[in-house]
């Protein structure tokens, strides 16, 4: 499989929180994963953008369900390649999702 975005992030956007999952492919092909929670205020979304920028992230994907993705898109659109995807399409992919406890993943994702 061809790597399209070696440094990318997936966002789980809710009304009061955003969970960001950063995925970075190393020089030897290994993967580094990091998950962090953020709030949904302007300051928190900008802090998310700063974290992604510092990690060298170039692409961010989020589901289009609801309207909560819109402020995130508006604040990050100039700095990143943003992908707004259909939630129904994501659910059909053969991806193993982490177990969630209190909004944060437990164990490897």
N, C-alpha and C. Protein backbone atom coordinates (compact mmCIF):
# COMPACT_ATOMS: atom_id res chain seq x y z
N UNK A 1 0.84 -1.18 0.00
CA UNK A 1 0.00 0.00 0.00
C UNK A 1 0.89 1.24 0.00
N UNK A 2 0.56 2.20 -0.80
CA UNK A 2 1.31 3.44 -0.89
C UNK A 2 0.93 4.37 0.25
N UNK A 3 1.95 4.96 0.89
CA UNK A 3 1.70 5.94 1.95
C UNK A 3 1.44 7.29 1.30
N UNK A 4 0.27 7.85 1.53
CA UNK A 4 -0.09 9.13 0.95
C UNK A 4 0.28 10.27 1.89
N UNK A 5 -0.01 10.10 3.17
CA UNK A 5 0.28 11.12 4.18
C UNK A 5 1.10 10.47 5.30
N UNK A 6 2.43 10.65 5.30
CA UNK A 6 3.26 10.01 6.33
C UNK A 6 3.07 10.62 7.72
N UNK A 7 2.49 11.80 7.81
CA UNK A 7 2.19 12.45 9.10
C UNK A 7 0.77 12.99 9.00
N UNK A 8 -0.16 12.29 9.65
CA UNK A 8 -1.55 12.68 9.53
C UNK A 8 -2.27 12.53 10.87
N UNK A 9 -3.48 13.06 10.92
CA UNK A 9 -4.25 13.04 12.15
C UNK A 9 -5.72 12.80 11.84
N UNK A 10 -6.36 12.03 12.70
CA UNK A 10 -7.80 11.84 12.63
C UNK A 10 -8.43 12.49 13.84
N UNK A 11 -9.52 13.21 13.63
CA UNK A 11 -10.20 13.91 14.72
C UNK A 11 -11.58 13.30 14.97
N UNK A 12 -11.87 13.07 16.23
CA UNK A 12 -13.20 12.68 16.67
C UNK A 12 -13.78 13.92 17.35
N UNK A 13 -14.64 14.64 16.65
CA UNK A 13 -15.12 15.94 17.10
C UNK A 13 -16.51 15.81 17.71
N UNK A 14 -16.64 16.28 18.93
CA UNK A 14 -17.92 16.28 19.64
C UNK A 14 -18.24 17.71 20.07
N UNK A 15 -19.35 17.89 20.74
CA UNK A 15 -19.78 19.23 21.14
C UNK A 15 -18.80 19.88 22.11
N UNK A 16 -18.28 19.11 23.08
CA UNK A 16 -17.43 19.71 24.10
C UNK A 16 -15.99 19.20 24.10
N UNK A 17 -15.67 18.28 23.22
CA UNK A 17 -14.29 17.78 23.19
C UNK A 17 -13.93 17.28 21.79
N UNK A 18 -12.63 17.28 21.57
CA UNK A 18 -12.05 16.74 20.34
C UNK A 18 -10.98 15.76 20.78
N UNK A 19 -11.01 14.56 20.23
CA UNK A 19 -9.94 13.60 20.47
C UNK A 19 -9.15 13.49 19.17
N UNK A 20 -7.86 13.80 19.26
CA UNK A 20 -6.99 13.80 18.07
C UNK A 20 -6.06 12.61 18.13
N UNK A 21 -6.03 11.85 17.05
CA UNK A 21 -5.11 10.71 16.93
C UNK A 21 -4.09 10.99 15.85
N UNK A 22 -2.85 11.21 16.27
CA UNK A 22 -1.76 11.53 15.35
C UNK A 22 -1.03 10.25 14.97
N UNK A 23 -0.75 10.09 13.69
CA UNK A 23 -0.04 8.92 13.19
C UNK A 23 1.15 9.40 12.36
N UNK A 24 2.35 8.98 12.77
CA UNK A 24 3.57 9.41 12.09
C UNK A 24 4.36 8.17 11.68
N UNK A 25 4.69 8.08 10.40
CA UNK A 25 5.52 6.98 9.90
C UNK A 25 6.98 7.40 10.04
N UNK A 26 7.78 6.56 10.71
CA UNK A 26 9.19 6.83 10.92
C UNK A 26 10.02 6.56 9.68
N UNK A 27 11.30 6.89 9.77
CA UNK A 27 12.21 6.71 8.64
C UNK A 27 12.37 5.24 8.26
N UNK A 28 12.25 4.35 9.25
CA UNK A 28 12.40 2.91 8.99
C UNK A 28 11.06 2.23 8.71
N UNK A 29 10.01 3.01 8.58
CA UNK A 29 8.70 2.45 8.26
C UNK A 29 7.83 2.17 9.45
N UNK A 30 8.36 2.28 10.67
CA UNK A 30 7.55 2.06 11.86
C UNK A 30 6.56 3.19 12.08
N UNK A 31 5.53 2.91 12.85
CA UNK A 31 4.49 3.90 13.11
C UNK A 31 4.50 4.36 14.56
N UNK A 32 4.37 5.65 14.75
CA UNK A 32 4.23 6.24 16.08
C UNK A 32 2.81 6.80 16.16
N UNK A 33 2.09 6.43 17.22
CA UNK A 33 0.72 6.90 17.41
C UNK A 33 0.64 7.68 18.72
N UNK A 34 -0.08 8.77 18.69
CA UNK A 34 -0.30 9.56 19.90
C UNK A 34 -1.73 10.09 19.87
N UNK A 35 -2.40 9.98 20.99
CA UNK A 35 -3.79 10.44 21.11
C UNK A 35 -3.85 11.49 22.21
N UNK A 36 -4.46 12.63 21.90
CA UNK A 36 -4.61 13.71 22.88
C UNK A 36 -6.01 14.30 22.81
N UNK A 37 -6.54 14.68 23.97
CA UNK A 37 -7.84 15.35 24.01
C UNK A 37 -7.67 16.87 23.95
N UNK A 38 -8.64 17.54 23.37
CA UNK A 38 -8.67 18.99 23.30
C UNK A 38 -10.11 19.44 23.53
N UNK A 39 -10.26 20.68 23.96
CA UNK A 39 -11.59 21.26 24.08
C UNK A 39 -12.04 21.79 22.73
N UNK A 40 -13.21 22.42 22.72
CA UNK A 40 -13.76 22.92 21.45
C UNK A 40 -13.80 24.44 21.38
N UNK A 41 -13.17 25.11 22.32
CA UNK A 41 -13.09 26.57 22.24
C UNK A 41 -12.08 26.96 21.17
N UNK A 42 -12.12 28.20 20.76
CA UNK A 42 -11.16 28.68 19.76
C UNK A 42 -9.73 28.48 20.24
N UNK A 43 -9.47 28.81 21.49
CA UNK A 43 -8.11 28.65 22.03
C UNK A 43 -7.66 27.19 21.99
N UNK A 44 -8.55 26.26 22.31
CA UNK A 44 -8.21 24.84 22.30
C UNK A 44 -7.98 24.33 20.88
N UNK A 45 -8.79 24.78 19.93
CA UNK A 45 -8.60 24.35 18.54
C UNK A 45 -7.28 24.89 18.00
N UNK A 46 -6.93 26.11 18.37
CA UNK A 46 -5.64 26.67 17.95
C UNK A 46 -4.48 25.92 18.62
N UNK A 47 -4.67 25.48 19.86
CA UNK A 47 -3.65 24.67 20.56
C UNK A 47 -3.49 23.33 19.83
N UNK A 48 -4.60 22.75 19.39
CA UNK A 48 -4.56 21.52 18.58
C UNK A 48 -3.73 21.77 17.31
N UNK A 49 -4.00 22.87 16.63
CA UNK A 49 -3.25 23.20 15.42
C UNK A 49 -1.77 23.37 15.69
N UNK A 50 -1.42 24.00 16.81
CA UNK A 50 -0.01 24.16 17.18
C UNK A 50 0.66 22.81 17.42
N UNK A 51 -0.06 21.91 18.10
CA UNK A 51 0.48 20.57 18.37
C UNK A 51 0.72 19.81 17.06
N UNK A 52 -0.25 19.88 16.15
CA UNK A 52 -0.11 19.20 14.87
C UNK A 52 1.03 19.79 14.04
N UNK A 53 1.13 21.10 14.05
CA UNK A 53 2.20 21.78 13.31
C UNK A 53 3.57 21.37 13.86
N UNK A 54 3.70 21.33 15.19
CA UNK A 54 4.97 20.96 15.82
C UNK A 54 5.36 19.52 15.48
N UNK A 55 4.36 18.66 15.27
CA UNK A 55 4.62 17.26 14.92
C UNK A 55 4.88 17.07 13.43
N UNK A 56 4.75 18.12 12.66
CA UNK A 56 4.96 18.02 11.21
C UNK A 56 3.79 17.43 10.47
N UNK A 57 2.63 17.42 11.08
CA UNK A 57 1.43 16.87 10.46
C UNK A 57 1.02 17.74 9.27
N UNK A 58 0.60 17.09 8.19
CA UNK A 58 0.19 17.83 7.00
C UNK A 58 -1.27 17.63 6.64
N UNK A 59 -1.87 16.53 7.11
CA UNK A 59 -3.25 16.21 6.72
C UNK A 59 -4.07 15.84 7.95
N UNK A 60 -5.30 16.33 7.97
CA UNK A 60 -6.21 16.08 9.09
C UNK A 60 -7.55 15.62 8.51
N UNK A 61 -8.06 14.51 9.04
CA UNK A 61 -9.36 13.99 8.59
C UNK A 61 -10.34 14.00 9.75
N UNK A 62 -11.60 14.32 9.45
CA UNK A 62 -12.66 14.30 10.46
C UNK A 62 -13.96 13.92 9.80
N UNK A 63 -14.86 13.33 10.60
CA UNK A 63 -16.16 12.93 10.07
C UNK A 63 -17.05 14.15 9.89
N UNK A 64 -17.99 14.05 8.96
CA UNK A 64 -18.87 15.17 8.67
C UNK A 64 -20.21 15.09 9.40
N UNK A 65 -20.34 14.16 10.34
CA UNK A 65 -21.61 14.05 11.06
C UNK A 65 -21.81 15.25 11.98
N UNK A 66 -23.02 15.76 12.02
CA UNK A 66 -23.30 16.94 12.84
C UNK A 66 -22.68 18.21 12.29
N UNK A 67 -22.64 19.24 13.12
CA UNK A 67 -22.08 20.53 12.70
C UNK A 67 -20.81 20.89 13.48
N UNK A 68 -20.38 20.02 14.38
CA UNK A 68 -19.27 20.35 15.27
C UNK A 68 -17.93 20.43 14.55
N UNK A 69 -17.82 19.84 13.39
CA UNK A 69 -16.57 19.89 12.63
C UNK A 69 -16.32 21.25 12.00
N UNK A 70 -17.36 22.05 11.82
CA UNK A 70 -17.23 23.31 11.06
C UNK A 70 -16.26 24.32 11.69
N UNK A 71 -16.32 24.61 13.00
CA UNK A 71 -15.34 25.55 13.55
C UNK A 71 -13.91 25.02 13.46
N UNK A 72 -13.74 23.72 13.62
CA UNK A 72 -12.41 23.12 13.50
C UNK A 72 -11.89 23.34 12.09
N UNK A 73 -12.71 23.07 11.10
CA UNK A 73 -12.33 23.27 9.71
C UNK A 73 -11.96 24.73 9.45
N UNK A 74 -12.79 25.66 9.92
CA UNK A 74 -12.55 27.07 9.68
C UNK A 74 -11.24 27.56 10.29
N UNK A 75 -10.87 27.04 11.45
CA UNK A 75 -9.66 27.50 12.12
C UNK A 75 -8.39 26.83 11.61
N UNK A 76 -8.51 25.64 11.03
CA UNK A 76 -7.32 24.90 10.60
C UNK A 76 -7.12 24.85 9.09
N UNK A 77 -8.08 25.35 8.32
CA UNK A 77 -8.03 25.15 6.87
C UNK A 77 -6.83 25.78 6.19
N UNK A 78 -6.27 26.84 6.72
CA UNK A 78 -5.14 27.49 6.06
C UNK A 78 -3.82 26.77 6.33
N UNK A 79 -3.76 25.98 7.40
CA UNK A 79 -2.49 25.37 7.79
C UNK A 79 -2.34 23.90 7.39
N UNK A 80 -3.45 23.22 7.09
CA UNK A 80 -3.41 21.78 6.85
C UNK A 80 -4.26 21.40 5.65
N UNK A 81 -3.98 20.23 5.10
CA UNK A 81 -4.89 19.62 4.14
C UNK A 81 -5.97 18.96 4.97
N UNK A 82 -7.21 19.43 4.84
CA UNK A 82 -8.31 18.91 5.63
C UNK A 82 -9.19 18.01 4.79
N UNK A 83 -9.55 16.87 5.36
CA UNK A 83 -10.41 15.91 4.70
C UNK A 83 -11.66 15.74 5.56
N UNK A 84 -12.78 16.14 5.04
CA UNK A 84 -14.05 15.94 5.74
C UNK A 84 -14.69 14.73 5.07
N UNK A 85 -14.87 13.67 5.85
CA UNK A 85 -15.30 12.39 5.27
C UNK A 85 -16.68 12.00 5.78
N UNK A 86 -17.34 11.18 4.99
CA UNK A 86 -18.66 10.69 5.34
C UNK A 86 -18.52 9.60 6.39
N UNK A 87 -19.20 9.75 7.53
CA UNK A 87 -19.10 8.79 8.63
C UNK A 87 -19.51 7.39 8.19
N UNK A 88 -20.49 7.27 7.33
CA UNK A 88 -20.95 5.96 6.86
C UNK A 88 -19.84 5.23 6.10
N UNK A 89 -19.00 5.96 5.36
CA UNK A 89 -17.90 5.34 4.63
C UNK A 89 -16.81 4.88 5.58
N UNK A 90 -16.53 5.65 6.62
CA UNK A 90 -15.49 5.28 7.58
C UNK A 90 -15.86 3.99 8.30
N UNK A 91 -17.12 3.84 8.64
CA UNK A 91 -17.56 2.66 9.39
C UNK A 91 -17.41 1.36 8.59
N UNK A 92 -17.29 1.44 7.27
CA UNK A 92 -17.14 0.23 6.46
C UNK A 92 -15.68 -0.20 6.31
N UNK A 93 -14.73 0.63 6.75
CA UNK A 93 -13.32 0.29 6.61
C UNK A 93 -12.92 -0.75 7.65
N UNK A 94 -12.02 -1.66 7.31
CA UNK A 94 -11.58 -2.69 8.25
C UNK A 94 -10.53 -2.15 9.23
N UNK A 95 -10.96 -1.27 10.13
CA UNK A 95 -10.05 -0.63 11.08
C UNK A 95 -10.40 -1.13 12.47
N UNK A 96 -9.36 -1.40 13.28
CA UNK A 96 -9.61 -1.76 14.67
C UNK A 96 -9.57 -0.48 15.49
N UNK A 97 -10.68 -0.18 16.15
CA UNK A 97 -10.75 1.02 16.98
C UNK A 97 -10.32 0.70 18.40
N UNK A 98 -9.73 1.66 19.11
CA UNK A 98 -9.32 1.41 20.49
C UNK A 98 -10.53 1.31 21.42
N UNK A 99 -10.30 0.71 22.58
CA UNK A 99 -11.33 0.71 23.61
C UNK A 99 -11.30 2.08 24.28
N UNK A 100 -12.46 2.63 24.59
CA UNK A 100 -12.53 3.98 25.13
C UNK A 100 -12.98 3.95 26.58
N UNK A 101 -12.29 4.71 27.41
CA UNK A 101 -12.66 4.90 28.80
C UNK A 101 -12.63 6.39 29.09
N UNK A 102 -13.76 6.94 29.45
CA UNK A 102 -13.85 8.37 29.78
C UNK A 102 -13.32 9.25 28.65
N UNK A 103 -13.57 8.86 27.43
CA UNK A 103 -13.19 9.71 26.30
C UNK A 103 -11.78 9.53 25.80
N UNK A 104 -10.96 8.69 26.47
CA UNK A 104 -9.60 8.49 26.02
C UNK A 104 -9.35 7.01 25.77
N UNK A 105 -8.51 6.67 24.78
CA UNK A 105 -8.29 5.27 24.46
C UNK A 105 -7.47 4.57 25.54
N UNK A 106 -7.70 3.28 25.67
CA UNK A 106 -6.95 2.44 26.60
C UNK A 106 -6.12 1.48 25.78
N UNK A 107 -4.85 1.38 26.07
CA UNK A 107 -3.98 0.45 25.36
C UNK A 107 -3.61 0.98 23.98
N UNK A 108 -3.07 0.11 23.15
CA UNK A 108 -2.68 0.51 21.79
C UNK A 108 -3.90 0.78 20.94
N UNK A 109 -3.78 1.76 20.05
CA UNK A 109 -4.88 2.05 19.15
C UNK A 109 -4.58 1.51 17.79
